[in-house]
Amino acid sequence: MSESTLRRTVRIVASLALAAGLFGMLFCFPFLWSANMEDLVGAGFPFVGGAVLFASGLVALALTIGKNSTGAP
């Protein structure tokens, strides 16, 4: 697998992680305004999971789009 193919694959997976994290956070957001404790707990954990997915996708995308030199991480 060449480096350009690997970078393209990482960009696609990172973009999918961004989209999945954003969807998870947006889906759970209305339930966070509920007065019911079960709704808060049930929406809080997936919201944090979506935030972790979004952040990891953002970091992976930033690292692959960064410098194209061979010394770049």
PDB file of N, CA and C in Angstrom:
ATOM      1  N   MET A   1       0.856  -1.169   0.000  1.00  0.00           N
ATOM      2  CA  MET A   1       0.000   0.000   0.000  1.00  0.00           C
ATOM      3  C   MET A   1       0.904   1.234   0.000  1.00  0.00           C
ATOM      4  N   SER A   2       0.701   2.098  -0.970  1.00  0.00           N
ATOM      5  CA  SER A   2       1.548   3.284  -1.066  1.00  0.00           C
ATOM      6  C   SER A   2       1.122   4.336  -0.041  1.00  0.00           C
ATOM      7  N   GLU A   3       2.002   5.318   0.139  1.00  0.00           N
ATOM      8  CA  GLU A   3       1.726   6.350   1.143  1.00  0.00           C
ATOM      9  C   GLU A   3       0.523   7.203   0.760  1.00  0.00           C
ATOM     10  N   SER A   4       0.363   7.490  -0.539  1.00  0.00           N
ATOM     11  CA  SER A   4      -0.780   8.312  -0.956  1.00  0.00           C
ATOM     12  C   SER A   4      -2.097   7.565  -0.751  1.00  0.00           C
ATOM     13  N   THR A   5      -2.094   6.262  -0.994  1.00  0.00           N
ATOM     14  CA  THR A   5      -3.304   5.469  -0.762  1.00  0.00           C
ATOM     15  C   THR A   5      -3.626   5.403   0.720  1.00  0.00           C
ATOM     16  N   LEU A   6      -2.590   5.259   1.535  1.00  0.00           N
ATOM     17  CA  LEU A   6      -2.797   5.220   2.979  1.00  0.00           C
ATOM     18  C   LEU A   6      -3.325   6.557   3.490  1.00  0.00           C
ATOM     19  N   ARG A   7      -2.768   7.664   2.995  1.00  0.00           N
ATOM     20  CA  ARG A   7      -3.261   8.986   3.404  1.00  0.00           C
ATOM     21  C   ARG A   7      -4.713   9.190   2.986  1.00  0.00           C
ATOM     22  N   ARG A   8      -5.061   8.754   1.780  1.00  0.00           N
ATOM     23  CA  ARG A   8      -6.435   8.894   1.304  1.00  0.00           C
ATOM     24  C   ARG A   8      -7.388   8.071   2.166  1.00  0.00           C
ATOM     25  N   THR A   9      -6.969   6.861   2.531  1.00  0.00           N
ATOM     26  CA  THR A   9      -7.795   6.004   3.379  1.00  0.00           C
ATOM     27  C   THR A   9      -7.985   6.621   4.759  1.00  0.00           C
ATOM     28  N   VAL A  10      -6.904   7.163   5.322  1.00  0.00           N
ATOM     29  CA  VAL A  10      -7.004   7.799   6.640  1.00  0.00           C
ATOM     30  C   VAL A  10      -7.902   9.024   6.568  1.00  0.00           C
ATOM     31  N   ARG A  11      -7.816   9.791   5.493  1.00  0.00           N
ATOM     32  CA  ARG A  11      -8.696  10.963   5.344  1.00  0.00           C
ATOM     33  C   ARG A  11     -10.158  10.556   5.267  1.00  0.00           C
ATOM     34  N   ILE A  12     -10.439   9.484   4.556  1.00  0.00           N
ATOM     35  CA  ILE A  12     -11.829   9.029   4.439  1.00  0.00           C
ATOM     36  C   ILE A  12     -12.350   8.542   5.789  1.00  0.00           C
ATOM     37  N   VAL A  13     -11.550   7.743   6.489  1.00  0.00           N
ATOM     38  CA  VAL A  13     -11.967   7.230   7.801  1.00  0.00           C
ATOM     39  C   VAL A  13     -12.108   8.374   8.804  1.00  0.00           C
ATOM     40  N   ALA A  14     -11.196   9.353   8.750  1.00  0.00           N
ATOM     41  CA  ALA A  14     -11.285  10.505   9.649  1.00  0.00           C
ATOM     42  C   ALA A  14     -12.536  11.325   9.354  1.00  0.00           C
ATOM     43  N   SER A  15     -12.868  11.482   8.085  1.00  0.00           N
ATOM     44  CA  SER A  15     -14.085  12.217   7.730  1.00  0.00           C
ATOM     45  C   SER A  15     -15.332  11.478   8.203  1.00  0.00           C
ATOM     46  N   LEU A  16     -15.314  10.157   8.091  1.00  0.00           N
ATOM     47  CA  LEU A  16     -16.445   9.370   8.593  1.00  0.00           C
ATOM     48  C   LEU A  16     -16.565   9.473  10.110  1.00  0.00           C
ATOM     49  N   ALA A  17     -15.432   9.494  10.810  1.00  0.00           N
ATOM     50  CA  ALA A  17     -15.464   9.657  12.268  1.00  0.00           C
ATOM     51  C   ALA A  17     -16.005  11.032  12.642  1.00  0.00           C
ATOM     52  N   LEU A  18     -15.610  12.060  11.891  1.00  0.00           N
ATOM     53  CA  LEU A  18     -16.156  13.402  12.124  1.00  0.00           C
ATOM     54  C   LEU A  18     -17.671  13.412  11.940  1.00  0.00           C
ATOM     55  N   ALA A  19     -18.125  12.820  10.842  1.00  0.00           N
ATOM     56  CA  ALA A  19     -19.560  12.815  10.557  1.00  0.00           C
ATOM     57  C   ALA A  19     -20.337  12.017  11.602  1.00  0.00           C
ATOM     58  N   ALA A  20     -19.816  10.856  11.987  1.00  0.00           N
ATOM     59  CA  ALA A  20     -20.506  10.032  12.987  1.00  0.00           C
ATOM     60  C   ALA A  20     -20.547  10.726  14.342  1.00  0.00           C
ATOM     61  N   GLY A  21     -19.450  11.356  14.728  1.00  0.00           N
ATOM     62  CA  GLY A  21     -19.423  12.076  16.000  1.00  0.00           C
ATOM     63  C   GLY A  21     -20.374  13.253  16.012  1.00  0.00           C
ATOM     64  N   LEU A  22     -20.400  13.996  14.914  1.00  0.00           N
ATOM     65  CA  LEU A  22     -21.308  15.137  14.821  1.00  0.00           C
ATOM     66  C   LEU A  22     -22.763  14.681  14.852  1.00  0.00           C
ATOM     67  N   PHE A  23     -23.065  13.604  14.128  1.00  0.00           N
ATOM     68  CA  PHE A  23     -24.426  13.079  14.139  1.00  0.00           C
ATOM     69  C   PHE A  23     -24.825  12.620  15.537  1.00  0.00           C
ATOM     70  N   GLY A  24     -23.921  11.934  16.229  1.00  0.00           N
ATOM     71  CA  GLY A  24     -24.217  11.466  17.583  1.00  0.00           C
ATOM     72  C   GLY A  24     -24.470  12.608  18.544  1.00  0.00           C
ATOM     73  N   MET A  25     -23.661  13.655  18.445  1.00  0.00           N
ATOM     74  CA  MET A  25     -23.851  14.801  19.341  1.00  0.00           C
ATOM     75  C   MET A  25     -25.146  15.540  19.024  1.00  0.00           C
ATOM     76  N   LEU A  26     -25.431  15.733  17.740  1.00  0.00           N
ATOM     77  CA  LEU A  26     -26.660  16.442  17.370  1.00  0.00           C
ATOM     78  C   LEU A  26     -27.906  15.636  17.714  1.00  0.00           C
ATOM     79  N   PHE A  27     -27.822  14.310  17.587  1.00  0.00           N
ATOM     80  CA  PHE A  27     -28.968  13.468  17.916  1.00  0.00           C
ATOM     81  C   PHE A  27     -29.270  13.502  19.409  1.00  0.00           C
ATOM     82  N   CYS A  28     -28.241  13.533  20.249  1.00  0.00           N
ATOM     83  CA  CYS A  28     -28.421  13.490  21.705  1.00  0.00           C
ATOM     84  C   CYS A  28     -28.677  14.858  22.317  1.00  0.00           C
ATOM     85  N   PHE A  29     -28.357  15.921  21.598  1.00  0.00           N
ATOM     86  CA  PHE A  29     -28.435  17.258  22.171  1.00  0.00           C
ATOM     87  C   PHE A  29     -29.822  17.631  22.700  1.00  0.00           C
ATOM     88  N   PRO A  30     -30.924  17.370  21.982  1.00  0.00           N
ATOM     89  CA  PRO A  30     -32.238  17.749  22.527  1.00  0.00           C
ATOM     90  C   PRO A  30     -32.590  17.036  23.834  1.00  0.00           C
ATOM     91  N   PHE A  31     -32.105  15.810  24.008  1.00  0.00           N
ATOM     92  CA  PHE A  31     -32.406  15.066  25.229  1.00  0.00           C
ATOM     93  C   PHE A  31     -31.650  15.610  26.433  1.00  0.00           C
ATOM     94  N   LEU A  32     -30.590  16.369  26.205  1.00  0.00           N
ATOM     95  CA  LEU A  32     -29.835  16.948  27.315  1.00  0.00           C
ATOM     96  C   LEU A  32     -30.598  18.081  27.996  1.00  0.00           C
ATOM     97  N   TRP A  33     -31.639  18.594  27.359  1.00  0.00           N
ATOM     98  CA  TRP A  33     -32.450  19.669  27.938  1.00  0.00           C
ATOM     99  C   TRP A  33     -33.649  19.133  28.707  1.00  0.00           C
ATOM    100  N   SER A  34     -33.746  17.825  28.852  1.00  0.00           N
ATOM    101  CA  SER A  34     -34.867  17.202  29.539  1.00  0.00           C
ATOM    102  C   SER A  34     -34.728  17.358  31.050  1.00  0.00           C
ATOM    103  N   ALA A  35     -35.862  17.374  31.724  1.00  0.00           N
ATOM    104  CA  ALA A  35     -35.868  17.429  33.184  1.00  0.00           C
ATOM    105  C   ALA A  35     -35.817  16.027  33.787  1.00  0.00           C
ATOM    106  N   ASN A  36     -35.965  15.015  32.955  1.00  0.00           N
ATOM    107  CA  ASN A  36     -35.956  13.630  33.406  1.00  0.00           C
ATOM    108  C   ASN A  36     -34.509  13.135  33.523  1.00  0.00           C
ATOM    109  N   MET A  37     -34.144  12.604  34.678  1.00  0.00           N
ATOM    110  CA  MET A  37     -32.762  12.169  34.919  1.00  0.00           C
ATOM    111  C   MET A  37     -32.349  11.031  33.984  1.00  0.00           C
ATOM    112  N   GLU A  38     -33.281  10.139  33.652  1.00  0.00           N
ATOM    113  CA  GLU A  38     -32.950   9.034  32.754  1.00  0.00           C
ATOM    114  C   GLU A  38     -32.585   9.541  31.367  1.00  0.00           C
ATOM    115  N   ASP A  39     -33.280  10.578  30.902  1.00  0.00           N
ATOM    116  CA  ASP A  39     -32.937  11.165  29.605  1.00  0.00           C
ATOM    117  C   ASP A  39     -31.560  11.812  29.636  1.00  0.00           C
ATOM    118  N   LEU A  40     -31.239  12.462  30.738  1.00  0.00           N
ATOM    119  CA  LEU A  40     -29.927  13.110  30.850  1.00  0.00           C
ATOM    120  C   LEU A  40     -28.796  12.091  30.822  1.00  0.00           C
ATOM    121  N   VAL A  41     -28.957  11.021  31.590  1.00  0.00           N
ATOM    122  CA  VAL A  41     -27.915   9.993  31.623  1.00  0.00           C
ATOM    123  C   VAL A  41     -27.867   9.255  30.289  1.00  0.00           C
ATOM    124  N   GLY A  42     -29.035   8.960  29.741  1.00  0.00           N
ATOM    125  CA  GLY A  42     -29.096   8.236  28.473  1.00  0.00           C
ATOM    126  C   GLY A  42     -28.560   9.022  27.297  1.00  0.00           C
ATOM    127  N   ALA A  43     -28.596  10.331  27.368  1.00  0.00           N
ATOM    128  CA  ALA A  43     -28.080  11.158  26.280  1.00  0.00           C
ATOM    129  C   ALA A  43     -26.681  11.677  26.570  1.00  0.00           C
ATOM    130  N   GLY A  44     -26.300  11.707  27.826  1.00  0.00           N
ATOM    131  CA  GLY A  44     -24.989  12.259  28.181  1.00  0.00           C
ATOM    132  C   GLY A  44     -23.834  11.397  27.718  1.00  0.00           C
ATOM    133  N   PHE A  45     -23.933  10.092  27.943  1.00  0.00           N
ATOM    134  CA  PHE A  45     -22.842   9.202  27.552  1.00  0.00           C
ATOM    135  C   PHE A  45     -22.655   9.151  26.032  1.00  0.00           C
ATOM    136  N   PRO A  46     -23.720   9.015  25.233  1.00  0.00           N
ATOM    137  CA  PRO A  46     -23.507   9.050  23.781  1.00  0.00           C
ATOM    138  C   PRO A  46     -23.008  10.408  23.286  1.00  0.00           C
ATOM    139  N   PHE A  47     -23.393  11.487  23.966  1.00  0.00           N
ATOM    140  CA  PHE A  47     -22.900  12.807  23.580  1.00  0.00           C
ATOM    141  C   PHE A  47     -21.391  12.887  23.778  1.00  0.00           C
ATOM    142  N   VAL A  48     -20.913  12.374  24.895  1.00  0.00           N
ATOM    143  CA  VAL A  48     -19.465  12.359  25.150  1.00  0.00           C
ATOM    144  C   VAL A  48     -18.764  11.439  24.151  1.00  0.00           C
ATOM    145  N   GLY A  49     -19.376  10.311  23.842  1.00  0.00           N
ATOM    146  CA  GLY A  49     -18.805   9.415  22.835  1.00  0.00           C
ATOM    147  C   GLY A  49     -18.718  10.075  21.469  1.00  0.00           C
ATOM    148  N   GLY A  50     -19.755  10.825  21.101  1.00  0.00           N
ATOM    149  CA  GLY A  50     -19.722  11.562  19.842  1.00  0.00           C
ATOM    150  C   GLY A  50     -18.651  12.631  19.837  1.00  0.00           C
ATOM    151  N   ALA A  51     -18.456  13.273  20.986  1.00  0.00           N
ATOM    152  CA  ALA A  51     -17.406  14.288  21.082  1.00  0.00           C
ATOM    153  C   ALA A  51     -16.023  13.661  20.933  1.00  0.00           C
ATOM    154  N   VAL A  52     -15.838  12.473  21.496  1.00  0.00           N
ATOM    155  CA  VAL A  52     -14.548  11.777  21.358  1.00  0.00           C
ATOM    156  C   VAL A  52     -14.322  11.366  19.903  1.00  0.00           C
ATOM    157  N   LEU A  53     -15.352  10.848  19.245  1.00  0.00           N
ATOM    158  CA  LEU A  53     -15.233  10.496  17.831  1.00  0.00           C
ATOM    159  C   LEU A  53     -14.909  11.717  16.985  1.00  0.00           C
ATOM    160  N   PHE A  54     -15.599  12.818  17.238  1.00  0.00           N
ATOM    161  CA  PHE A  54     -15.375  14.043  16.476  1.00  0.00           C
ATOM    162  C   PHE A  54     -13.951  14.545  16.675  1.00  0.00           C
ATOM    163  N   ALA A  55     -13.490  14.547  17.919  1.00  0.00           N
ATOM    164  CA  ALA A  55     -12.141  15.046  18.209  1.00  0.00           C
ATOM    165  C   ALA A  55     -11.072  14.148  17.593  1.00  0.00           C
ATOM    166  N   SER A  56     -11.254  12.841  17.665  1.00  0.00           N
ATOM    167  CA  SER A  56     -10.251  11.945  17.082  1.00  0.00           C
ATOM    168  C   SER A  56     -10.225  12.056  15.563  1.00  0.00           C
ATOM    169  N   GLY A  57     -11.378  12.218  14.942  1.00  0.00           N
ATOM    170  CA  GLY A  57     -11.407  12.428  13.499  1.00  0.00           C
ATOM    171  C   GLY A  57     -10.761  13.733  13.099  1.00  0.00           C
ATOM    172  N   LEU A  58     -10.964  14.766  13.904  1.00  0.00           N
ATOM    173  CA  LEU A  58     -10.363  16.065  13.620  1.00  0.00           C
ATOM    174  C   LEU A  58      -8.847  16.012  13.741  1.00  0.00           C
ATOM    175  N   VAL A  59      -8.353  15.340  14.762  1.00  0.00           N
ATOM    176  CA  VAL A  59      -6.899  15.216  14.941  1.00  0.00           C
ATOM    177  C   VAL A  59      -6.290  14.398  13.805  1.00  0.00           C
ATOM    178  N   ALA A  60      -6.919  13.283  13.446  1.00  0.00           N
ATOM    179  CA  ALA A  60      -6.397  12.452  12.362  1.00  0.00           C
ATOM    180  C   ALA A  60      -6.401  13.205  11.040  1.00  0.00           C
ATOM    181  N   LEU A  61      -7.452  13.963  10.793  1.00  0.00           N
ATOM    182  CA  LEU A  61      -7.526  14.741   9.559  1.00  0.00           C
ATOM    183  C   LEU A  61      -6.480  15.836   9.540  1.00  0.00           C
ATOM    184  N   ALA A  62      -6.270  16.481  10.668  1.00  0.00           N
ATOM    185  CA  ALA A  62      -5.265  17.542  10.737  1.00  0.00           C
ATOM    186  C   ALA A  62      -3.861  16.987  10.537  1.00  0.00           C
ATOM    187  N   LEU A  63      -3.580  15.820  11.068  1.00  0.00           N
ATOM    188  CA  LEU A  63      -2.249  15.237  10.916  1.00  0.00           C
ATOM    189  C   LEU A  63      -1.985  14.757   9.494  1.00  0.00           C
ATOM    190  N   THR A  64      -3.008  14.281   8.797  1.00  0.00           N
ATOM    191  CA  THR A  64      -2.787  13.802   7.435  1.00  0.00           C
ATOM    192  C   THR A  64      -2.775  14.932   6.424  1.00  0.00           C
ATOM    193  N   ILE A  65      -3.477  16.011   6.697  1.00  0.00           N
ATOM    194  CA  ILE A  65      -3.491  17.135   5.765  1.00  0.00           C
ATOM    195  C   ILE A  65      -2.289  18.041   5.987  1.00  0.00           C
ATOM    196  N   GLY A  66      -1.663  17.933   7.150  1.00  0.00           N
ATOM    197  CA  GLY A  66      -0.519  18.780   7.504  1.00  0.00           C
ATOM    198  C   GLY A  66       0.585  18.753   6.470  1.00  0.00           C
ATOM    199  N   LYS A  67       1.800  18.831   6.912  1.00  0.00           N
ATOM    200  CA  LYS A  67       2.954  18.869   6.018  1.00  0.00           C
ATOM    201  C   LYS A  67       3.086  17.557   5.249  1.00  0.00           C
ATOM    202  N   ASN A  68       3.497  17.669   4.009  1.00  0.00           N
ATOM    203  CA  ASN A  68       3.682  16.482   3.180  1.00  0.00           C
ATOM    204  C   ASN A  68       5.124  16.002   3.173  1.00  0.00           C
ATOM    205  N   SER A  69       5.974  16.552   4.036  1.00  0.00           N
ATOM    206  CA  SER A  69       7.364  16.115   4.076  1.00  0.00           C
ATOM    207  C   SER A  69       7.459  14.729   4.697  1.00  0.00           C
ATOM    208  N   THR A  70       8.590  14.064   4.466  1.00  0.00           N
ATOM    209  CA  THR A  70       8.742  12.703   4.981  1.00  0.00           C
ATOM    210  C   THR A  70       8.961  12.686   6.481  1.00  0.00           C
ATOM    211  N   GLY A  71       9.383  13.812   7.071  1.00  0.00           N
ATOM    212  CA  GLY A  71       9.613  13.862   8.506  1.00  0.00           C
ATOM    213  C   GLY A  71       8.374  14.186   9.305  1.00  0.00           C
ATOM    214  N   ALA A  72       7.268  14.483   8.631  1.00  0.00           N
ATOM    215  CA  ALA A  72       6.033  14.830   9.337  1.00  0.00           C
ATOM    216  C   ALA A  72       5.433  13.581   9.955  1.00  0.00           C
ATOM    217  N   PRO A  73       4.763  13.723  11.100  1.00  0.00           N
ATOM    218  CA  PRO A  73       4.131  12.554  11.732  1.00  0.00           C
ATOM    219  C   PRO A  73       2.952  12.061  10.937  1.00  0.00           C
TER     220      PRO A  73
END
